[in-house]
Each structure stands twice: as structure tokens, then as C-alpha cells.
PDB file of all heavy atoms in Angstrom:
ATOM      1  N   GLU A   1     151.256 136.909 142.386  1.00  0.00           N
ATOM      2  CA  GLU A   1     149.857 136.484 142.348  1.00  0.00           C
ATOM      3  C   GLU A   1     149.818 134.919 142.296  1.00  0.00           C
ATOM      4  O   GLU A   1     148.953 134.285 142.912  1.00  0.00           O
ATOM      5  CB  GLU A   1     149.157 137.048 141.127  1.00  0.00           C
ATOM      6  CG  GLU A   1     149.051 138.625 141.099  1.00  0.00           C
ATOM      7  CD  GLU A   1     147.955 139.105 142.027  1.00  0.00           C
ATOM      8  OE1 GLU A   1     147.407 138.348 142.804  1.00  0.00           O
ATOM      9  OE2 GLU A   1     147.704 140.286 142.011  1.00  0.00           O
ATOM     10  N   ASP A   2     150.705 134.360 141.483  1.00  0.00           N
ATOM     11  CA  ASP A   2     150.701 132.853 141.421  1.00  0.00           C
ATOM     12  C   ASP A   2     151.073 132.273 142.740  1.00  0.00           C
ATOM     13  O   ASP A   2     150.577 131.209 143.138  1.00  0.00           O
ATOM     14  CB  ASP A   2     151.792 132.440 140.347  1.00  0.00           C
ATOM     15  CG  ASP A   2     151.343 132.764 138.938  1.00  0.00           C
ATOM     16  OD1 ASP A   2     150.196 133.010 138.679  1.00  0.00           O
ATOM     17  OD2 ASP A   2     152.187 132.750 138.055  1.00  0.00           O
ATOM     18  N   PHE A   3     152.028 132.895 143.510  1.00  0.00           N
ATOM     19  CA  PHE A   3     152.407 132.432 144.780  1.00  0.00           C
ATOM     20  C   PHE A   3     151.207 132.390 145.752  1.00  0.00           C
ATOM     21  O   PHE A   3     151.002 131.481 146.516  1.00  0.00           O
ATOM     22  CB  PHE A   3     153.575 133.278 145.266  1.00  0.00           C
ATOM     23  CG  PHE A   3     153.980 133.009 146.741  1.00  0.00           C
ATOM     24  CD1 PHE A   3     154.686 131.844 147.044  1.00  0.00           C
ATOM     25  CD2 PHE A   3     153.680 133.894 147.762  1.00  0.00           C
ATOM     26  CE1 PHE A   3     155.073 131.526 148.357  1.00  0.00           C
ATOM     27  CE2 PHE A   3     154.171 133.575 149.050  1.00  0.00           C
ATOM     28  CZ  PHE A   3     154.811 132.440 149.319  1.00  0.00           C
ATOM     29  N   LEU A   4     150.456 133.467 145.797  1.00  0.00           N
ATOM     30  CA  LEU A   4     149.322 133.588 146.615  1.00  0.00           C
ATOM     31  C   LEU A   4     148.300 132.468 146.346  1.00  0.00           C
ATOM     32  O   LEU A   4     147.750 131.902 147.299  1.00  0.00           O
ATOM     33  CB  LEU A   4     148.589 134.943 146.491  1.00  0.00           C
ATOM     34  CG  LEU A   4     149.417 136.223 146.813  1.00  0.00           C
ATOM     35  CD1 LEU A   4     148.626 137.444 146.480  1.00  0.00           C
ATOM     36  CD2 LEU A   4     149.813 136.205 148.319  1.00  0.00           C
ATOM     37  N   LEU A   5     148.061 132.172 145.091  1.00  0.00           N
ATOM     38  CA  LEU A   5     147.141 131.138 144.772  1.00  0.00           C
ATOM     39  C   LEU A   5     147.664 129.776 144.974  1.00  0.00           C
ATOM     40  O   LEU A   5     146.970 128.861 145.516  1.00  0.00           O
ATOM     41  CB  LEU A   5     146.779 131.277 143.271  1.00  0.00           C
ATOM     42  CG  LEU A   5     145.999 132.581 142.855  1.00  0.00           C
ATOM     43  CD1 LEU A   5     145.831 132.697 141.354  1.00  0.00           C
ATOM     44  CD2 LEU A   5     144.690 132.650 143.584  1.00  0.00           C
ATOM     45  N   ALA A   6     148.918 129.503 144.733  1.00  0.00           N
ATOM     46  CA  ALA A   6     149.509 128.216 144.988  1.00  0.00           C
ATOM     47  C   ALA A   6     149.517 127.797 146.365  1.00  0.00           C
ATOM     48  O   ALA A   6     149.226 126.699 146.854  1.00  0.00           O
ATOM     49  CB  ALA A   6     150.931 128.154 144.388  1.00  0.00           C
ATOM     50  N   ALA A   7     149.858 128.805 147.260  1.00  0.00           N
ATOM     51  CA  ALA A   7     149.868 128.552 148.687  1.00  0.00           C
ATOM     52  C   ALA A   7     148.442 128.223 149.214  1.00  0.00           C
ATOM     53  O   ALA A   7     148.300 127.299 150.057  1.00  0.00           O
ATOM     54  CB  ALA A   7     150.481 129.770 149.460  1.00  0.00           C
ATOM     55  N   GLN A   8     147.454 128.930 148.729  1.00  0.00           N
ATOM     56  CA  GLN A   8     146.098 128.588 149.101  1.00  0.00           C
ATOM     57  C   GLN A   8     145.661 127.252 148.649  1.00  0.00           C
ATOM     58  O   GLN A   8     144.960 126.510 149.224  1.00  0.00           O
ATOM     59  CB  GLN A   8     145.186 129.686 148.567  1.00  0.00           C
ATOM     60  CG  GLN A   8     145.316 131.020 149.298  1.00  0.00           C
ATOM     61  CD  GLN A   8     144.444 132.149 148.795  1.00  0.00           C
ATOM     62  OE1 GLN A   8     143.250 132.164 149.033  1.00  0.00           O
ATOM     63  NE2 GLN A   8     144.999 132.972 147.951  1.00  0.00           N
ATOM     64  N   GLY A   9     146.261 126.925 147.433  1.00  0.00           N
ATOM     65  CA  GLY A   9     145.993 125.523 146.883  1.00  0.00           C
ATOM     66  C   GLY A   9     146.504 124.430 147.735  1.00  0.00           C
ATOM     67  O   GLY A   9     145.994 123.304 147.775  1.00  0.00           O
ATOM     68  N   LEU A  10     147.594 124.756 148.527  1.00  0.00           N
ATOM     69  CA  LEU A  10     148.134 123.768 149.461  1.00  0.00           C
ATOM     70  C   LEU A  10     147.450 123.791 150.822  1.00  0.00           C
ATOM     71  O   LEU A  10     147.814 123.121 151.779  1.00  0.00           O
ATOM     72  CB  LEU A  10     149.629 123.957 149.664  1.00  0.00           C
ATOM     73  CG  LEU A  10     150.538 123.667 148.509  1.00  0.00           C
ATOM     74  CD1 LEU A  10     151.957 123.930 148.815  1.00  0.00           C
ATOM     75  CD2 LEU A  10     150.420 122.132 148.105  1.00  0.00           C
ATOM     76  N   GLY A  11     146.472 124.643 150.943  1.00  0.00           N
ATOM     77  CA  GLY A  11     145.638 124.687 152.231  1.00  0.00           C
ATOM     78  C   GLY A  11     145.988 125.831 153.135  1.00  0.00           C
ATOM     79  O   GLY A  11     145.418 125.892 154.287  1.00  0.00           O
ATOM     80  N   HIS A  12     146.875 126.724 152.743  1.00  0.00           N
ATOM     81  CA  HIS A  12     147.206 127.838 153.664  1.00  0.00           C
ATOM     82  C   HIS A  12     146.236 128.961 153.429  1.00  0.00           C
ATOM     83  O   HIS A  12     145.947 129.373 152.321  1.00  0.00           O
ATOM     84  CB  HIS A  12     148.607 128.325 153.327  1.00  0.00           C
ATOM     85  CG  HIS A  12     149.709 127.262 153.557  1.00  0.00           C
ATOM     86  ND1 HIS A  12     150.052 126.904 154.763  1.00  0.00           N
ATOM     87  CD2 HIS A  12     150.366 126.557 152.642  1.00  0.00           C
ATOM     88  CE1 HIS A  12     151.052 125.978 154.653  1.00  0.00           C
ATOM     89  NE2 HIS A  12     151.215 125.779 153.379  1.00  0.00           N
ATOM     90  N   PRO A  13     145.655 129.580 154.509  1.00  0.00           N
ATOM     91  CA  PRO A  13     144.666 130.628 154.409  1.00  0.00           C
ATOM     92  C   PRO A  13     145.272 131.950 153.900  1.00  0.00           C
ATOM     93  O   PRO A  13     146.474 132.206 154.197  1.00  0.00           O
ATOM     94  CB  PRO A  13     144.136 130.761 155.819  1.00  0.00           C
ATOM     95  CG  PRO A  13     145.266 130.377 156.692  1.00  0.00           C
ATOM     96  CD  PRO A  13     145.957 129.245 155.917  1.00  0.00           C
ATOM     97  N   TYR A  14     144.513 132.759 153.240  1.00  0.00           N
ATOM     98  CA  TYR A  14     144.961 134.075 152.882  1.00  0.00           C
ATOM     99  C   TYR A  14     144.902 134.969 154.066  1.00  0.00           C
ATOM    100  O   TYR A  14     143.894 134.926 154.845  1.00  0.00           O
ATOM    101  CB  TYR A  14     144.066 134.667 151.726  1.00  0.00           C
ATOM    102  CG  TYR A  14     144.615 135.994 151.291  1.00  0.00           C
ATOM    103  CD1 TYR A  14     145.653 136.147 150.473  1.00  0.00           C
ATOM    104  CD2 TYR A  14     143.888 137.177 151.774  1.00  0.00           C
ATOM    105  CE1 TYR A  14     146.072 137.417 150.053  1.00  0.00           C
ATOM    106  CE2 TYR A  14     144.329 138.443 151.415  1.00  0.00           C
ATOM    107  CZ  TYR A  14     145.452 138.563 150.565  1.00  0.00           C
ATOM    108  OH  TYR A  14     145.871 139.836 150.183  1.00  0.00           O
ATOM    109  N   ASN A  15     145.921 135.789 154.300  1.00  0.00           N
ATOM    110  CA  ASN A  15     146.005 136.604 155.477  1.00  0.00           C
ATOM    111  C   ASN A  15     146.228 138.033 155.011  1.00  0.00           C
ATOM    112  O   ASN A  15     147.268 138.368 154.452  1.00  0.00           O
ATOM    113  CB  ASN A  15     147.150 136.234 156.349  1.00  0.00           C
ATOM    114  CG  ASN A  15     147.162 136.963 157.732  1.00  0.00           C
ATOM    115  OD1 ASN A  15     146.490 137.950 157.855  1.00  0.00           O
ATOM    116  ND2 ASN A  15     147.962 136.444 158.657  1.00  0.00           N
ATOM    117  N   PRO A  16     145.251 138.935 155.195  1.00  0.00           N
ATOM    118  CA  PRO A  16     145.348 140.286 154.773  1.00  0.00           C
ATOM    119  C   PRO A  16     146.267 141.185 155.648  1.00  0.00           C
ATOM    120  O   PRO A  16     146.658 142.280 155.198  1.00  0.00           O
ATOM    121  CB  PRO A  16     143.981 140.849 154.748  1.00  0.00           C
ATOM    122  CG  PRO A  16     143.280 140.051 155.871  1.00  0.00           C
ATOM    123  CD  PRO A  16     143.895 138.686 155.797  1.00  0.00           C
ATOM    124  N   ASP A  17     146.597 140.654 156.834  1.00  0.00           N
ATOM    125  CA  ASP A  17     147.393 141.534 157.741  1.00  0.00           C
ATOM    126  C   ASP A  17     148.139 140.594 158.677  1.00  0.00           C
ATOM    127  O   ASP A  17     147.694 140.046 159.626  1.00  0.00           O
ATOM    128  CB  ASP A  17     146.491 142.428 158.571  1.00  0.00           C
ATOM    129  CG  ASP A  17     147.276 143.331 159.525  1.00  0.00           C
ATOM    130  OD1 ASP A  17     148.497 143.454 159.485  1.00  0.00           O
ATOM    131  OD2 ASP A  17     146.620 143.892 160.459  1.00  0.00           O
ATOM    132  N   PHE A  18     149.532 140.499 158.424  1.00  0.00           N
ATOM    133  CA  PHE A  18     150.390 139.669 159.231  1.00  0.00           C
ATOM    134  C   PHE A  18     150.564 140.268 160.599  1.00  0.00           C
ATOM    135  O   PHE A  18     151.099 139.588 161.506  1.00  0.00           O
ATOM    136  CB  PHE A  18     151.776 139.494 158.546  1.00  0.00           C
ATOM    137  CG  PHE A  18     151.698 138.682 157.358  1.00  0.00           C
ATOM    138  CD1 PHE A  18     152.173 139.152 156.126  1.00  0.00           C
ATOM    139  CD2 PHE A  18     151.103 137.350 157.328  1.00  0.00           C
ATOM    140  CE1 PHE A  18     152.101 138.350 154.969  1.00  0.00           C
ATOM    141  CE2 PHE A  18     151.064 136.634 156.141  1.00  0.00           C
ATOM    142  CZ  PHE A  18     151.571 137.139 154.928  1.00  0.00           C
ATOM    143  N   ASN A  19     150.285 141.539 160.751  1.00  0.00           N
ATOM    144  CA  ASN A  19     150.499 142.241 162.093  1.00  0.00           C
ATOM    145  C   ASN A  19     149.135 142.344 162.857  1.00  0.00           C
ATOM    146  O   ASN A  19     149.080 143.206 163.764  1.00  0.00           O
ATOM    147  CB  ASN A  19     151.114 143.588 161.862  1.00  0.00           C
ATOM    148  CG  ASN A  19     152.487 143.465 161.225  1.00  0.00           C
ATOM    149  OD1 ASN A  19     153.292 142.750 161.719  1.00  0.00           O
ATOM    150  ND2 ASN A  19     152.652 144.179 160.133  1.00  0.00           N
ATOM    151  N   GLY A  20     148.123 141.621 162.468  1.00  0.00           N
ATOM    152  CA  GLY A  20     146.814 141.745 163.019  1.00  0.00           C
ATOM    153  C   GLY A  20     146.443 140.580 163.888  1.00  0.00           C
ATOM    154  O   GLY A  20     147.241 140.219 164.792  1.00  0.00           O
ATOM    155  N   VAL A  21     145.316 139.999 163.716  1.00  0.00           N
ATOM    156  CA  VAL A  21     144.753 138.975 164.560  1.00  0.00           C
ATOM    157  C   VAL A  21     145.640 137.777 164.582  1.00  0.00           C
ATOM    158  O   VAL A  21     145.899 137.178 165.641  1.00  0.00           O
ATOM    159  CB  VAL A  21     143.299 138.527 164.099  1.00  0.00           C
ATOM    160  CG1 VAL A  21     142.823 137.379 164.970  1.00  0.00           C
ATOM    161  CG2 VAL A  21     142.444 139.752 164.136  1.00  0.00           C
ATOM    162  N   ARG A  22     146.158 137.319 163.478  1.00  0.00           N
ATOM    163  CA  ARG A  22     147.002 136.197 163.398  1.00  0.00           C
ATOM    164  C   ARG A  22     148.109 136.390 162.353  1.00  0.00           C
ATOM    165  O   ARG A  22     147.982 137.203 161.469  1.00  0.00           O
ATOM    166  CB  ARG A  22     146.161 134.892 163.039  1.00  0.00           C
ATOM    167  CG  ARG A  22     145.469 135.056 161.643  1.00  0.00           C
ATOM    168  CD  ARG A  22     144.594 133.854 161.327  1.00  0.00           C
ATOM    169  NE  ARG A  22     143.756 134.143 160.185  1.00  0.00           N
ATOM    170  CZ  ARG A  22     144.151 134.025 158.895  1.00  0.00           C
ATOM    171  NH1 ARG A  22     145.380 133.667 158.643  1.00  0.00           N
ATOM    172  NH2 ARG A  22     143.311 134.341 157.886  1.00  0.00           N
ATOM    173  N   GLN A  23     149.201 135.580 162.525  1.00  0.00           N
ATOM    174  CA  GLN A  23     150.288 135.721 161.579  1.00  0.00           C
ATOM    175  C   GLN A  23     150.249 134.650 160.531  1.00  0.00           C
ATOM    176  O   GLN A  23     150.627 134.871 159.365  1.00  0.00           O
ATOM    177  CB  GLN A  23     151.611 135.653 162.359  1.00  0.00           C
ATOM    178  CG  GLN A  23     152.817 135.978 161.485  1.00  0.00           C
ATOM    179  CD  GLN A  23     154.135 135.712 162.116  1.00  0.00           C
ATOM    180  OE1 GLN A  23     154.483 134.529 162.533  1.00  0.00           O
ATOM    181  NE2 GLN A  23     154.950 136.672 162.307  1.00  0.00           N
ATOM    182  N   ASN A  24     149.686 133.493 160.821  1.00  0.00           N
ATOM    183  CA  ASN A  24     149.817 132.385 159.929  1.00  0.00           C
ATOM    184  C   ASN A  24     148.990 132.578 158.615  1.00  0.00           C
ATOM    185  O   ASN A  24     147.986 133.251 158.662  1.00  0.00           O
ATOM    186  CB  ASN A  24     149.411 131.075 160.542  1.00  0.00           C
ATOM    187  CG  ASN A  24     147.965 131.086 161.056  1.00  0.00           C
ATOM    188  OD1 ASN A  24     147.632 131.950 161.818  1.00  0.00           O
ATOM    189  ND2 ASN A  24     147.165 130.096 160.616  1.00  0.00           N
ATOM    190  N   GLY A  25     149.500 132.121 157.511  1.00  0.00           N
ATOM    191  CA  GLY A  25     148.871 132.329 156.212  1.00  0.00           C
ATOM    192  C   GLY A  25     149.758 132.933 155.227  1.00  0.00           C
ATOM    193  O   GLY A  25     150.885 133.278 155.472  1.00  0.00           O
ATOM    194  N   VAL A  26     149.215 133.116 154.053  1.00  0.00           N
ATOM    195  CA  VAL A  26     149.943 133.740 152.860  1.00  0.00           C
ATOM    196  C   VAL A  26     149.263 135.111 152.606  1.00  0.00           C
ATOM    197  O   VAL A  26     148.052 135.284 152.746  1.00  0.00           O
ATOM    198  CB  VAL A  26     149.929 132.768 151.675  1.00  0.00           C
ATOM    199  CG1 VAL A  26     148.455 132.712 151.100  1.00  0.00           C
ATOM    200  CG2 VAL A  26     150.815 133.363 150.584  1.00  0.00           C
ATOM    201  N   GLY A  27     150.104 136.037 152.206  1.00  0.00           N
ATOM    202  CA  GLY A  27     149.571 137.418 151.890  1.00  0.00           C
ATOM    203  C   GLY A  27     150.628 138.345 151.488  1.00  0.00           C
ATOM    204  O   GLY A  27     151.793 137.967 151.363  1.00  0.00           O
ATOM    205  N   ILE A  28     150.214 139.573 151.225  1.00  0.00           N
ATOM    206  CA  ILE A  28     151.090 140.674 150.780  1.00  0.00           C
ATOM    207  C   ILE A  28     151.726 141.286 152.085  1.00  0.00           C
ATOM    208  O   ILE A  28     150.973 141.551 153.074  1.00  0.00           O
ATOM    209  CB  ILE A  28     150.302 141.740 150.020  1.00  0.00           C
ATOM    210  CG1 ILE A  28     149.662 141.068 148.794  1.00  0.00           C
ATOM    211  CG2 ILE A  28     151.249 142.831 149.643  1.00  0.00           C
ATOM    212  CD1 ILE A  28     150.660 140.461 147.830  1.00  0.00           C
ATOM    213  N   MET A  29     152.996 141.541 152.074  1.00  0.00           N
ATOM    214  CA  MET A  29     153.652 142.136 153.184  1.00  0.00           C
ATOM    215  C   MET A  29     153.506 143.662 153.114  1.00  0.00           C
ATOM    216  O   MET A  29     153.653 144.259 152.046  1.00  0.00           O
ATOM    217  CB  MET A  29     155.118 141.791 153.231  1.00  0.00           C
ATOM    218  CG  MET A  29     155.358 140.301 153.419  1.00  0.00           C
ATOM    219  SD  MET A  29     157.167 139.892 153.516  1.00  0.00           S
ATOM    220  CE  MET A  29     157.708 140.293 151.870  1.00  0.00           C
ATOM    221  N   GLN A  30     153.275 144.318 154.196  1.00  0.00           N
ATOM    222  CA  GLN A  30     153.308 145.718 154.300  1.00  0.00           C
ATOM    223  C   GLN A  30     154.815 146.190 154.457  1.00  0.00           C
ATOM    224  O   GLN A  30     155.652 145.435 154.868  1.00  0.00           O
ATOM    225  CB  GLN A  30     152.513 146.258 155.449  1.00  0.00           C
ATOM    226  CG  GLN A  30     150.994 146.121 155.230  1.00  0.00           C
ATOM    227  CD  GLN A  30     150.231 147.195 155.828  1.00  0.00           C
ATOM    228  OE1 GLN A  30     150.379 147.568 157.020  1.00  0.00           O
ATOM    229  NE2 GLN A  30     149.305 147.800 155.068  1.00  0.00           N
ATOM    230  N   HIS A  31     155.080 147.389 153.975  1.00  0.00           N
ATOM    231  CA  HIS A  31     156.472 147.961 153.912  1.00  0.00           C
ATOM    232  C   HIS A  31     156.509 149.329 154.471  1.00  0.00           C
ATOM    233  O   HIS A  31     155.499 150.058 154.526  1.00  0.00           O
ATOM    234  CB  HIS A  31     157.005 147.998 152.485  1.00  0.00           C
ATOM    235  CG  HIS A  31     157.231 146.688 151.869  1.00  0.00           C
ATOM    236  ND1 HIS A  31     156.115 145.829 151.535  1.00  0.00           N
ATOM    237  CD2 HIS A  31     158.317 145.979 151.491  1.00  0.00           C
ATOM    238  CE1 HIS A  31     156.605 144.756 150.956  1.00  0.00           C
ATOM    239  NE2 HIS A  31     157.901 144.781 151.009  1.00  0.00           N
ATOM    240  N   THR A  32     157.679 149.758 154.945  1.00  0.00           N
ATOM    241  CA  THR A  32     157.824 151.132 155.488  1.00  0.00           C
ATOM    242  C   THR A  32     158.171 152.095 154.347  1.00  0.00           C
ATOM    243  O   THR A  32     159.281 152.588 154.196  1.00  0.00           O
ATOM    244  CB  THR A  32     158.962 151.117 156.529  1.00  0.00           C
ATOM    245  OG1 THR A  32     160.138 150.547 155.997  1.00  0.00           O
ATOM    246  CG2 THR A  32     158.518 150.421 157.789  1.00  0.00           C
ATOM    247  N   TYR A  33     157.207 152.257 153.499  1.00  0.00           N
ATOM    248  CA  TYR A  33     157.275 153.346 152.561  1.00  0.00           C
ATOM    249  C   TYR A  33     155.862 153.854 152.289  1.00  0.00           C
ATOM    250  O   TYR A  33     154.836 153.235 152.586  1.00  0.00           O
ATOM    251  CB  TYR A  33     157.968 152.994 151.188  1.00  0.00           C
ATOM    252  CG  TYR A  33     157.523 151.641 150.519  1.00  0.00           C
ATOM    253  CD1 TYR A  33     156.364 151.594 149.814  1.00  0.00           C
ATOM    254  CD2 TYR A  33     158.332 150.601 150.525  1.00  0.00           C
ATOM    255  CE1 TYR A  33     156.042 150.520 149.149  1.00  0.00           C
ATOM    256  CE2 TYR A  33     157.972 149.432 149.841  1.00  0.00           C
ATOM    257  CZ  TYR A  33     156.869 149.386 149.169  1.00  0.00           C
ATOM    258  OH  TYR A  33     156.488 148.249 148.534  1.00  0.00           O
ATOM    259  N   GLY A  34     155.774 155.084 151.814  1.00  0.00           N
ATOM    260  CA  GLY A  34     154.529 155.752 151.543  1.00  0.00           C
ATOM    261  C   GLY A  34     154.774 157.068 150.877  1.00  0.00           C
ATOM    262  O   GLY A  34     155.819 157.349 150.329  1.00  0.00           O
ATOM    263  N   LEU A  35     153.727 157.868 150.776  1.00  0.00           N
ATOM    264  CA  LEU A  35     153.844 159.078 149.981  1.00  0.00           C
ATOM    265  C   LEU A  35     154.715 160.164 150.677  1.00  0.00           C
ATOM    266  O   LEU A  35     154.362 160.583 151.797  1.00  0.00           O
ATOM    267  CB  LEU A  35     152.455 159.641 149.770  1.00  0.00           C
ATOM    268  CG  LEU A  35     151.558 158.893 148.793  1.00  0.00           C
ATOM    269  CD1 LEU A  35     150.190 159.523 148.619  1.00  0.00           C
ATOM    270  CD2 LEU A  35     152.239 158.781 147.352  1.00  0.00           C
ATOM    271  N   TRP A  36     155.728 160.556 150.060  1.00  0.00           N
ATOM    272  CA  TRP A  36     156.635 161.688 150.500  1.00  0.00           C
ATOM    273  C   TRP A  36     156.785 162.594 149.276  1.00  0.00           C
ATOM    274  O   TRP A  36     157.270 162.149 148.240  1.00  0.00           O
ATOM    275  CB  TRP A  36     157.979 161.168 150.969  1.00  0.00           C
ATOM    276  CG  TRP A  36     157.974 160.385 152.169  1.00  0.00           C
ATOM    277  CD1 TRP A  36     157.858 159.002 152.209  1.00  0.00           C
ATOM    278  CD2 TRP A  36     158.078 160.844 153.507  1.00  0.00           C
ATOM    279  NE1 TRP A  36     157.945 158.599 153.562  1.00  0.00           N
ATOM    280  CE2 TRP A  36     158.015 159.642 154.298  1.00  0.00           C
ATOM    281  CE3 TRP A  36     158.225 162.090 154.067  1.00  0.00           C
ATOM    282  CZ2 TRP A  36     158.154 159.766 155.723  1.00  0.00           C
ATOM    283  CZ3 TRP A  36     158.311 162.180 155.485  1.00  0.00           C
ATOM    284  CH2 TRP A  36     158.280 161.057 156.282  1.00  0.00           C
ATOM    285  N   ASN A  37     156.304 163.796 149.318  1.00  0.00           N
ATOM    286  CA  ASN A  37     156.429 164.764 148.241  1.00  0.00           C
ATOM    287  C   ASN A  37     155.806 164.107 146.899  1.00  0.00           C
ATOM    288  O   ASN A  37     156.379 164.152 145.847  1.00  0.00           O
ATOM    289  CB  ASN A  37     157.879 165.145 147.922  1.00  0.00           C
ATOM    290  CG  ASN A  37     158.482 165.877 149.113  1.00  0.00           C
ATOM    291  OD1 ASN A  37     157.867 166.646 149.762  1.00  0.00           O
ATOM    292  ND2 ASN A  37     159.741 165.573 149.435  1.00  0.00           N
ATOM    293  N   ARG A  38     154.591 163.545 147.090  1.00  0.00           N
ATOM    294  CA  ARG A  38     153.811 163.021 146.035  1.00  0.00           C
ATOM    295  C   ARG A  38     154.359 161.744 145.428  1.00  0.00           C
ATOM    296  O   ARG A  38     153.675 161.166 144.466  1.00  0.00           O
ATOM    297  CB  ARG A  38     153.656 164.078 144.879  1.00  0.00           C
ATOM    298  CG  ARG A  38     152.909 165.323 145.288  1.00  0.00           C
ATOM    299  CD  ARG A  38     152.825 166.338 144.195  1.00  0.00           C
ATOM    300  NE  ARG A  38     154.050 166.850 143.734  1.00  0.00           N
ATOM    301  CZ  ARG A  38     154.603 166.482 142.523  1.00  0.00           C
ATOM    302  NH1 ARG A  38     154.058 165.680 141.744  1.00  0.00           N
ATOM    303  NH2 ARG A  38     155.755 166.975 142.187  1.00  0.00           N
TER     304      ARG A  38
END
């Protein structure tokens, strides 16, 4: 959380999806895991 805020403090935009419209910016990375057997 501190990293997300510090990067925005330096002028980098928040990016909700690095695999979407644009890659540049700071954000949470998606991962190849999900619900398997609950």
C-alpha cells in the first residue's frame, strides 16, 4: 500500500490493469491463481 501511494506521489498514475488499455503506471499485479476446491 505504501508503494502504491509513494509511486503516485512521484507522479506515476494508478493502473488497475497492466494488461488492458495501457501498461504504464503503478498497480496490483494479477496472478495465475484462483479458486480450486474452495
